Protein backbone atom coordinates (compact mmCIF):
# COMPACT_ATOMS: atom_id res chain seq x y z
CA MET A 1 50.72 117.30 149.24
CA THR A 2 53.57 117.91 151.66
CA ARG A 3 55.26 121.29 151.39
CA TYR A 4 58.66 122.04 152.86
CA GLU A 5 59.92 125.42 153.99
CA LEU A 6 63.18 126.69 155.43
CA GLU A 7 63.69 130.20 156.76
CA THR A 8 66.85 132.24 157.19
CA PRO A 9 67.23 135.79 158.50
CA ARG A 10 66.59 137.25 155.01
CA LEU A 11 64.99 134.46 153.00
CA VAL A 12 62.13 132.00 152.77
CA LEU A 13 62.84 128.79 150.87
CA THR A 14 59.79 126.83 149.84
CA THR A 15 58.69 124.04 147.58
CA SER A 16 56.44 124.97 144.71
CA VAL A 17 52.67 124.92 144.46
CA PRO A 18 50.66 125.63 141.29
CA GLU A 19 49.85 129.18 142.44
CA MET A 20 53.56 130.04 142.17
CA ALA A 21 53.67 129.47 138.40
CA PRO A 22 53.29 133.17 137.45
CA ALA A 23 56.13 134.22 139.80
CA ILE A 24 58.36 131.41 138.52
CA LEU A 25 57.62 132.38 134.93
CA GLU A 26 58.46 136.01 135.70
CA LEU A 27 61.79 134.99 137.33
CA GLU A 28 62.69 132.91 134.26
CA ARG A 29 61.70 135.67 131.82
CA ARG A 30 63.52 138.37 133.78
CA ASN A 31 66.70 136.27 133.80
CA ARG A 32 66.45 134.58 130.42
CA GLU A 33 69.82 135.88 129.14
CA HIS A 34 71.43 135.65 132.57
CA PHE A 35 70.57 131.93 133.05
CA GLU A 36 71.14 130.89 129.44
CA PRO A 37 74.94 130.31 129.58
CA TRP A 38 74.52 127.86 132.47
CA GLU A 39 71.51 125.76 131.42
CA ASP A 40 70.52 123.51 128.56
CA ARG A 41 68.46 124.80 125.67
CA ARG A 42 64.88 125.50 126.61
CA PRO A 43 61.93 124.04 124.69
CA SER A 44 59.98 126.55 122.62
CA ASP A 45 57.13 126.63 125.16
CA PHE A 46 59.36 126.94 128.27
CA PHE A 47 58.45 130.59 128.81
CA THR A 48 54.72 129.88 129.12
CA LEU A 49 52.53 129.47 132.16
CA ASP A 50 51.44 125.97 131.07
CA TYR A 51 55.04 124.77 130.86
CA GLN A 52 55.87 126.17 134.31
CA LYS A 53 52.80 124.42 135.76
CA ARG A 54 54.05 121.13 134.29
CA LEU A 55 57.45 121.71 135.90
CA ILE A 56 55.74 122.29 139.25
CA ARG A 57 53.95 118.93 138.88
CA ASP A 58 57.27 117.28 138.02
CA GLU A 59 58.88 118.83 141.10
CA ARG A 60 56.09 117.42 143.27
CA LYS A 61 56.59 113.91 141.83
CA LEU A 62 60.34 114.10 142.46
CA ARG A 63 59.75 115.28 146.03
CA GLU A 64 57.14 112.58 146.72
CA SER A 65 59.43 109.85 145.36
CA GLY A 66 62.20 110.99 147.72
CA GLU A 67 64.64 111.53 144.85
CA GLY A 68 65.00 115.28 145.27
CA ILE A 69 63.56 118.58 146.33
CA ASP A 70 63.46 122.01 144.72
CA TYR A 71 63.52 125.07 146.96
CA TRP A 72 62.32 128.36 145.51
CA ILE A 73 64.00 131.31 147.20
CA TYR A 74 62.06 134.40 148.24
CA CYS A 75 63.62 137.59 149.59
CA SER A 76 61.83 138.42 152.85
CA ALA A 77 62.40 142.17 152.55
CA ASP A 78 60.50 142.63 149.27
CA GLY A 79 58.69 139.30 148.78
CA MET A 80 60.36 138.73 145.39
CA LEU A 81 61.07 135.25 144.06
CA ILE A 82 64.82 135.51 143.45
CA GLY A 83 66.14 132.03 142.79
CA LYS A 84 66.06 128.30 143.10
CA ALA A 85 68.18 125.58 144.69
CA SER A 86 67.63 121.99 143.64
CA VAL A 87 68.60 118.84 145.49
CA PHE A 88 68.53 115.91 143.09
CA CYS A 89 69.89 112.39 142.57
CA LEU A 90 69.19 111.92 146.27
CA VAL A 91 70.18 108.41 147.32
CA MET A 92 70.23 107.17 150.90
CA GLY A 93 71.60 103.90 152.28
CA ASN A 94 75.25 103.07 151.90
CA LEU A 95 75.70 105.67 149.12
CA SER A 96 73.99 108.55 151.00
CA ASN A 97 74.74 111.17 148.35
CA CYS A 98 72.97 113.95 146.50
CA MET A 99 73.69 116.72 144.02
CA LEU A 100 72.93 120.38 144.52
CA GLY A 101 72.29 122.99 141.83
CA TYR A 102 71.30 126.63 142.11
CA LYS A 103 70.54 129.85 140.29
CA LEU A 104 69.93 133.41 141.43
CA ASP A 105 68.28 136.45 139.88
CA LYS A 106 70.86 138.76 138.31
CA ASP A 107 69.67 141.72 140.40
CA TYR A 108 70.20 139.91 143.71
CA GLN A 109 73.72 138.60 143.16
CA GLY A 110 76.63 139.78 145.24
CA HIS A 111 74.64 140.17 148.48
CA GLY A 112 75.17 136.71 150.01
CA TYR A 113 71.63 135.48 149.33
CA MET A 114 72.65 132.22 147.67
CA HIS A 115 75.25 131.52 150.35
CA GLU A 116 72.57 132.04 153.01
CA ALA A 117 70.04 129.82 151.20
CA LEU A 118 72.53 127.01 150.61
CA GLU A 119 73.73 127.10 154.23
CA ALA A 120 70.15 126.37 155.33
CA ILE A 121 69.71 123.60 152.75
CA ILE A 122 73.05 121.97 153.61
CA ASP A 123 72.24 122.12 157.33
CA ASN A 124 68.88 120.46 156.62
CA LEU A 125 70.46 117.78 154.42
CA PHE A 126 73.15 116.95 156.96
CA ASN A 127 71.22 117.28 160.23
CA VAL A 128 67.62 116.38 159.33
CA VAL A 129 67.83 114.17 156.24
CA GLY A 130 71.12 112.62 157.39
CA ILE A 131 72.87 112.73 154.03
CA HIS A 132 76.59 111.91 154.08
CA ARG A 133 77.85 113.64 150.93
CA ILE A 134 76.72 116.58 148.77
CA GLU A 135 78.08 117.29 145.28
CA ILE A 136 77.94 120.51 143.30
CA ASN A 137 78.98 120.38 139.65
CA MET A 138 79.78 123.56 137.75
CA MET A 139 81.58 124.68 134.64
CA PRO A 140 85.08 126.00 135.41
CA ARG A 141 84.20 129.38 133.88
CA ASN A 142 81.28 129.82 136.31
CA THR A 143 83.50 131.64 138.79
CA ARG A 144 80.61 133.00 140.88
CA SER A 145 79.33 129.48 141.57
CA VAL A 146 82.85 128.28 142.31
CA ARG A 147 83.24 131.05 144.92
CA VAL A 148 79.88 130.21 146.52
CA ALA A 149 80.80 126.52 146.79
CA GLU A 150 84.25 127.24 148.20
CA ARG A 151 82.88 129.71 150.77
CA LEU A 152 80.49 126.98 151.90
CA GLY A 153 83.40 124.62 152.53
CA PHE A 154 83.07 122.46 149.42
CA GLU A 155 86.33 121.07 148.08
CA ARG A 156 87.11 120.47 144.43
CA GLU A 157 87.36 116.75 143.94
CA ALA A 158 87.66 116.30 140.19
CA LEU A 159 87.15 117.58 136.68
CA SER A 160 84.38 115.60 135.00
CA ARG A 161 84.88 115.75 131.24
CA ALA A 162 81.86 116.30 128.96
CA PHE A 163 79.64 115.87 132.03
CA ILE A 164 76.51 117.98 131.48
CA ARG A 165 74.94 119.30 128.28
CA ILE A 166 74.69 123.09 128.34
CA ASN A 167 73.14 124.88 125.35
CA GLY A 168 73.54 121.72 123.29
CA VAL A 169 77.25 121.25 124.13
CA TRP A 170 78.65 118.63 126.52
CA GLU A 171 80.61 120.78 128.97
CA ASP A 172 83.38 119.87 131.40
CA HIS A 173 82.44 120.47 135.04
CA TYR A 174 84.31 120.72 138.28
CA ARG A 175 82.90 118.41 140.94
CA TYR A 176 82.89 120.01 144.38
CA VAL A 177 82.08 117.90 147.44
CA LYS A 178 81.17 118.47 151.06
CA ILE A 179 81.17 115.57 153.50
CA ASN A 180 79.01 115.36 156.59
CA ASP A 181 81.73 114.57 159.11
CA ALA A 182 79.11 113.94 161.81
CA LYS A 183 77.75 110.90 159.93
């Protein structure tokens, strides 16, 4: 199994392996209320080790198919798993587009960690993978995510109505885009 890692001055971003399941479960449990407004309803067994191991297997299949990659974000200073950034709907060829989603532990927000992680991922997507266009979709009320995207140079392209189901409700989302001008 191929594993991918990116490093920044303060972070290690890595793809998952089964041994990470307890740390992933702890991140999800620690941030259950914090993540809930931004994600769809979780199955009743989501907060179990078995469920997290299944998600790790699903991530591997997605990575091996070339359709996406999930990076788990570790803080180098304390070794804590603090978040996740997901590249998905990855399509090459004449479309050359992908989507990017992310979440960060409530206790690590406001310190530039997600900005730093996404800079590394975007650089990799543009300069190694050769992707032309990256999209980030977020609910208008998710002002923290909007600020992160804008600081990274993403531009708001559109409002997509009833775009993604969040907590059982089809929510409007802003679509932010960054173009690889070198490609």
